[in-house]
């Protein structure tokens, strides 16, 4: 039962760290270009001429 004293704050801290990381990624524009990566896969820019 004493282990809950350590595990509960660690779980809450890791959850909050993940939430802040996700919010930072949203704010910095990581998810703005959703279709760009799918279209870049199809481009033939890397082929030799």
PDB file of N, CA and C in Angstrom:
ATOM      1  N   UNK A   1       0.817  -1.192   0.000  1.00  0.00           N
ATOM      2  CA  UNK A   1       0.000   0.000   0.000  1.00  0.00           C
ATOM      3  C   UNK A   1       0.865   1.261   0.000  1.00  0.00           C
ATOM      4  N   UNK A   2       2.051   1.162   0.575  1.00  0.00           N
ATOM      5  CA  UNK A   2       2.928   2.333   0.611  1.00  0.00           C
ATOM      6  C   UNK A   2       3.471   2.686  -0.767  1.00  0.00           C
ATOM      7  N   UNK A   3       3.470   1.730  -1.677  1.00  0.00           N
ATOM      8  CA  UNK A   3       3.993   1.997  -3.005  1.00  0.00           C
ATOM      9  C   UNK A   3       3.080   2.962  -3.767  1.00  0.00           C
ATOM     10  N   UNK A   4       1.816   3.041  -3.400  1.00  0.00           N
ATOM     11  CA  UNK A   4       0.892   3.979  -4.042  1.00  0.00           C
ATOM     12  C   UNK A   4       1.291   5.433  -3.782  1.00  0.00           C
ATOM     13  N   UNK A   5       1.958   5.667  -2.677  1.00  0.00           N
ATOM     14  CA  UNK A   5       2.417   7.022  -2.364  1.00  0.00           C
ATOM     15  C   UNK A   5       3.420   7.487  -3.418  1.00  0.00           C
ATOM     16  N   UNK A   6       4.179   6.561  -3.984  1.00  0.00           N
ATOM     17  CA  UNK A   6       5.157   6.895  -5.005  1.00  0.00           C
ATOM     18  C   UNK A   6       4.581   6.791  -6.422  1.00  0.00           C
ATOM     19  N   UNK A   7       3.782   5.787  -6.663  1.00  0.00           N
ATOM     20  CA  UNK A   7       3.299   5.534  -8.013  1.00  0.00           C
ATOM     21  C   UNK A   7       2.247   6.542  -8.475  1.00  0.00           C
ATOM     22  N   UNK A   8       1.371   6.948  -7.605  1.00  0.00           N
ATOM     23  CA  UNK A   8       0.319   7.880  -7.992  1.00  0.00           C
ATOM     24  C   UNK A   8       0.869   9.236  -8.433  1.00  0.00           C
ATOM     25  N   UNK A   9       1.758   9.872  -7.679  1.00  0.00           N
ATOM     26  CA  UNK A   9       2.322  11.145  -8.171  1.00  0.00           C
ATOM     27  C   UNK A   9       3.165  10.969  -9.443  1.00  0.00           C
ATOM     28  N   UNK A  10       3.870   9.839  -9.565  1.00  0.00           N
ATOM     29  CA  UNK A  10       4.648   9.611 -10.779  1.00  0.00           C
ATOM     30  C   UNK A  10       3.737   9.441 -11.989  1.00  0.00           C
ATOM     31  N   UNK A  11       2.634   8.735 -11.827  1.00  0.00           N
ATOM     32  CA  UNK A  11       1.689   8.548 -12.930  1.00  0.00           C
ATOM     33  C   UNK A  11       1.046   9.877 -13.317  1.00  0.00           C
ATOM     34  N   UNK A  12       0.672  10.665 -12.343  1.00  0.00           N
ATOM     35  CA  UNK A  12       0.100  11.982 -12.634  1.00  0.00           C
ATOM     36  C   UNK A  12       1.127  12.893 -13.300  1.00  0.00           C
ATOM     37  N   UNK A  13       2.352  12.843 -12.830  1.00  0.00           N
ATOM     38  CA  UNK A  13       3.410  13.670 -13.421  1.00  0.00           C
ATOM     39  C   UNK A  13       3.693  13.278 -14.862  1.00  0.00           C
ATOM     40  N   UNK A  14       3.765  11.975 -15.145  1.00  0.00           N
ATOM     41  CA  UNK A  14       4.004  11.528 -16.516  1.00  0.00           C
ATOM     42  C   UNK A  14       2.821  11.865 -17.427  1.00  0.00           C
ATOM     43  N   UNK A  15       1.618  11.748 -16.904  1.00  0.00           N
ATOM     44  CA  UNK A  15       0.447  12.118 -17.687  1.00  0.00           C
ATOM     45  C   UNK A  15       0.429  13.599 -18.015  1.00  0.00           C
ATOM     46  N   UNK A  16       0.772  14.434 -17.040  1.00  0.00           N
ATOM     47  CA  UNK A  16       0.827  15.875 -17.282  1.00  0.00           C
ATOM     48  C   UNK A  16       1.962  16.230 -18.233  1.00  0.00           C
ATOM     49  N   UNK A  17       3.088  15.533 -18.136  1.00  0.00           N
ATOM     50  CA  UNK A  17       4.200  15.783 -19.059  1.00  0.00           C
ATOM     51  C   UNK A  17       3.782  15.431 -20.492  1.00  0.00           C
ATOM     52  N   UNK A  18       3.071  14.328 -20.663  1.00  0.00           N
ATOM     53  CA  UNK A  18       2.569  13.969 -21.983  1.00  0.00           C
ATOM     54  C   UNK A  18       1.567  14.976 -22.513  1.00  0.00           C
ATOM     55  N   UNK A  19       0.703  15.456 -21.649  1.00  0.00           N
ATOM     56  CA  UNK A  19      -0.283  16.461 -22.055  1.00  0.00           C
ATOM     57  C   UNK A  19       0.402  17.757 -22.464  1.00  0.00           C
ATOM     58  N   UNK A  20       1.379  18.204 -21.687  1.00  0.00           N
ATOM     59  CA  UNK A  20       2.098  19.429 -22.037  1.00  0.00           C
ATOM     60  C   UNK A  20       2.898  19.248 -23.323  1.00  0.00           C
ATOM     61  N   UNK A  21       3.469  18.063 -23.534  1.00  0.00           N
ATOM     62  CA  UNK A  21       4.172  17.796 -24.781  1.00  0.00           C
ATOM     63  C   UNK A  21       3.246  17.839 -25.973  1.00  0.00           C
ATOM     64  N   UNK A  22       2.067  17.294 -25.835  1.00  0.00           N
ATOM     65  CA  UNK A  22       1.083  17.331 -26.910  1.00  0.00           C
ATOM     66  C   UNK A  22       0.612  18.755 -27.178  1.00  0.00           C
ATOM     67  N   UNK A  23       0.378  19.518 -26.119  1.00  0.00           N
ATOM     68  CA  UNK A  23      -0.047  20.904 -26.296  1.00  0.00           C
ATOM     69  C   UNK A  23       1.052  21.731 -26.961  1.00  0.00           C
ATOM     70  N   UNK A  24       2.321  21.471 -26.605  1.00  0.00           N
ATOM     71  CA  UNK A  24       3.440  22.155 -27.241  1.00  0.00           C
ATOM     72  C   UNK A  24       3.496  21.814 -28.732  1.00  0.00           C
ATOM     73  N   UNK A  25       3.277  20.545 -29.073  1.00  0.00           N
ATOM     74  CA  UNK A  25       3.302  20.133 -30.474  1.00  0.00           C
ATOM     75  C   UNK A  25       2.166  20.803 -31.245  1.00  0.00           C
ATOM     76  N   UNK A  26       1.011  20.939 -30.651  1.00  0.00           N
ATOM     77  CA  UNK A  26      -0.090  21.640 -31.303  1.00  0.00           C
ATOM     78  C   UNK A  26       0.240  23.112 -31.521  1.00  0.00           C
ATOM     79  N   UNK A  27       0.812  23.742 -30.496  1.00  0.00           N
ATOM     80  CA  UNK A  27       1.100  25.165 -30.573  1.00  0.00           C
ATOM     81  C   UNK A  27       2.225  25.457 -31.568  1.00  0.00           C
ATOM     82  N   UNK A  28       3.188  24.545 -31.707  1.00  0.00           N
ATOM     83  CA  UNK A  28       4.314  24.799 -32.603  1.00  0.00           C
ATOM     84  C   UNK A  28       4.015  24.431 -34.046  1.00  0.00           C
ATOM     85  N   UNK A  29       2.823  23.909 -34.339  1.00  0.00           N
ATOM     86  CA  UNK A  29       2.423  23.664 -35.712  1.00  0.00           C
ATOM     87  C   UNK A  29       2.821  22.307 -36.249  1.00  0.00           C
ATOM     88  N   UNK A  30       3.006  21.322 -35.410  1.00  0.00           N
ATOM     89  CA  UNK A  30       3.404  19.996 -35.869  1.00  0.00           C
ATOM     90  C   UNK A  30       2.306  19.300 -36.661  1.00  0.00           C
ATOM     91  N   UNK A  31       1.061  19.661 -36.436  1.00  0.00           N
ATOM     92  CA  UNK A  31      -0.062  18.977 -37.076  1.00  0.00           C
ATOM     93  C   UNK A  31      -0.771  19.848 -38.106  1.00  0.00           C
ATOM     94  N   UNK A  32      -0.130  20.906 -38.586  1.00  0.00           N
ATOM     95  CA  UNK A  32      -0.779  21.799 -39.538  1.00  0.00           C
ATOM     96  C   UNK A  32      -0.882  21.191 -40.927  1.00  0.00           C
ATOM     97  N   UNK A  33       0.151  20.487 -41.384  1.00  0.00           N
ATOM     98  CA  UNK A  33       0.188  19.952 -42.744  1.00  0.00           C
ATOM     99  C   UNK A  33      -0.101  18.454 -42.698  1.00  0.00           C
ATOM    100  N   UNK A  34      -1.364  18.090 -42.638  1.00  0.00           N
ATOM    101  CA  UNK A  34      -1.747  16.688 -42.502  1.00  0.00           C
ATOM    102  C   UNK A  34      -1.565  15.936 -43.821  1.00  0.00           C
ATOM    103  N   UNK A  35      -1.886  16.562 -44.938  1.00  0.00           N
ATOM    104  CA  UNK A  35      -1.822  15.889 -46.234  1.00  0.00           C
ATOM    105  C   UNK A  35      -0.459  16.009 -46.903  1.00  0.00           C
ATOM    106  N   UNK A  36       0.406  16.852 -46.404  1.00  0.00           N
ATOM    107  CA  UNK A  36       1.693  17.079 -47.055  1.00  0.00           C
ATOM    108  C   UNK A  36       2.585  15.856 -47.067  1.00  0.00           C
ATOM    109  N   UNK A  37       2.668  15.131 -45.971  1.00  0.00           N
ATOM    110  CA  UNK A  37       3.528  13.953 -45.917  1.00  0.00           C
ATOM    111  C   UNK A  37       3.023  12.860 -46.841  1.00  0.00           C
ATOM    112  N   UNK A  38       1.726  12.722 -46.970  1.00  0.00           N
ATOM    113  CA  UNK A  38       1.174  11.697 -47.854  1.00  0.00           C
ATOM    114  C   UNK A  38       1.472  12.026 -49.311  1.00  0.00           C
ATOM    115  N   UNK A  39       1.474  13.293 -49.656  1.00  0.00           N
ATOM    116  CA  UNK A  39       1.760  13.685 -51.038  1.00  0.00           C
ATOM    117  C   UNK A  39       3.255  13.666 -51.334  1.00  0.00           C
ATOM    118  N   UNK A  40       4.101  13.921 -50.342  1.00  0.00           N
ATOM    119  CA  UNK A  40       5.549  13.880 -50.547  1.00  0.00           C
ATOM    120  C   UNK A  40       6.030  12.477 -50.839  1.00  0.00           C
ATOM    121  N   UNK A  41       5.344  11.471 -50.348  1.00  0.00           N
ATOM    122  CA  UNK A  41       5.723  10.093 -50.619  1.00  0.00           C
ATOM    123  C   UNK A  41       5.568   9.792 -52.107  1.00  0.00           C
ATOM    124  N   UNK A  42       4.592  10.376 -52.740  1.00  0.00           N
ATOM    125  CA  UNK A  42       4.297  10.090 -54.134  1.00  0.00           C
ATOM    126  C   UNK A  42       5.138  10.895 -55.120  1.00  0.00           C
ATOM    127  N   UNK A  43       5.865  11.901 -54.669  1.00  0.00           N
ATOM    128  CA  UNK A  43       6.632  12.737 -55.591  1.00  0.00           C
ATOM    129  C   UNK A  43       7.879  12.000 -56.063  1.00  0.00           C
ATOM    130  N   UNK A  44       8.309  12.331 -57.287  1.00  0.00           N
ATOM    131  CA  UNK A  44       9.473  11.682 -57.896  1.00  0.00           C
ATOM    132  C   UNK A  44      10.682  12.602 -57.918  1.00  0.00           C
ATOM    133  N   UNK A  45      10.854  13.425 -56.911  1.00  0.00           N
ATOM    134  CA  UNK A  45      11.954  14.377 -56.889  1.00  0.00           C
ATOM    135  C   UNK A  45      13.307  13.706 -56.694  1.00  0.00           C
ATOM    136  N   UNK A  46      13.354  12.527 -56.122  1.00  0.00           N
ATOM    137  CA  UNK A  46      14.635  11.888 -55.810  1.00  0.00           C
ATOM    138  C   UNK A  46      15.157  10.984 -56.936  1.00  0.00           C
ATOM    139  N   UNK A  47      14.447  10.900 -58.053  1.00  0.00           N
ATOM    140  CA  UNK A  47      14.900  10.071 -59.163  1.00  0.00           C
ATOM    141  C   UNK A  47      15.998  10.774 -59.955  1.00  0.00           C
ATOM    142  N   UNK A  48      17.035  10.044 -60.379  1.00  0.00           N
ATOM    143  CA  UNK A  48      18.086  10.671 -61.206  1.00  0.00           C
ATOM    144  C   UNK A  48      17.547  10.996 -62.600  1.00  0.00           C
ATOM    145  N   UNK A  49      18.064  12.049 -63.183  1.00  0.00           N
ATOM    146  CA  UNK A  49      17.571  12.483 -64.504  1.00  0.00           C
ATOM    147  C   UNK A  49      18.395  11.928 -65.629  1.00  0.00           C
TER     148      UNK A  49
END
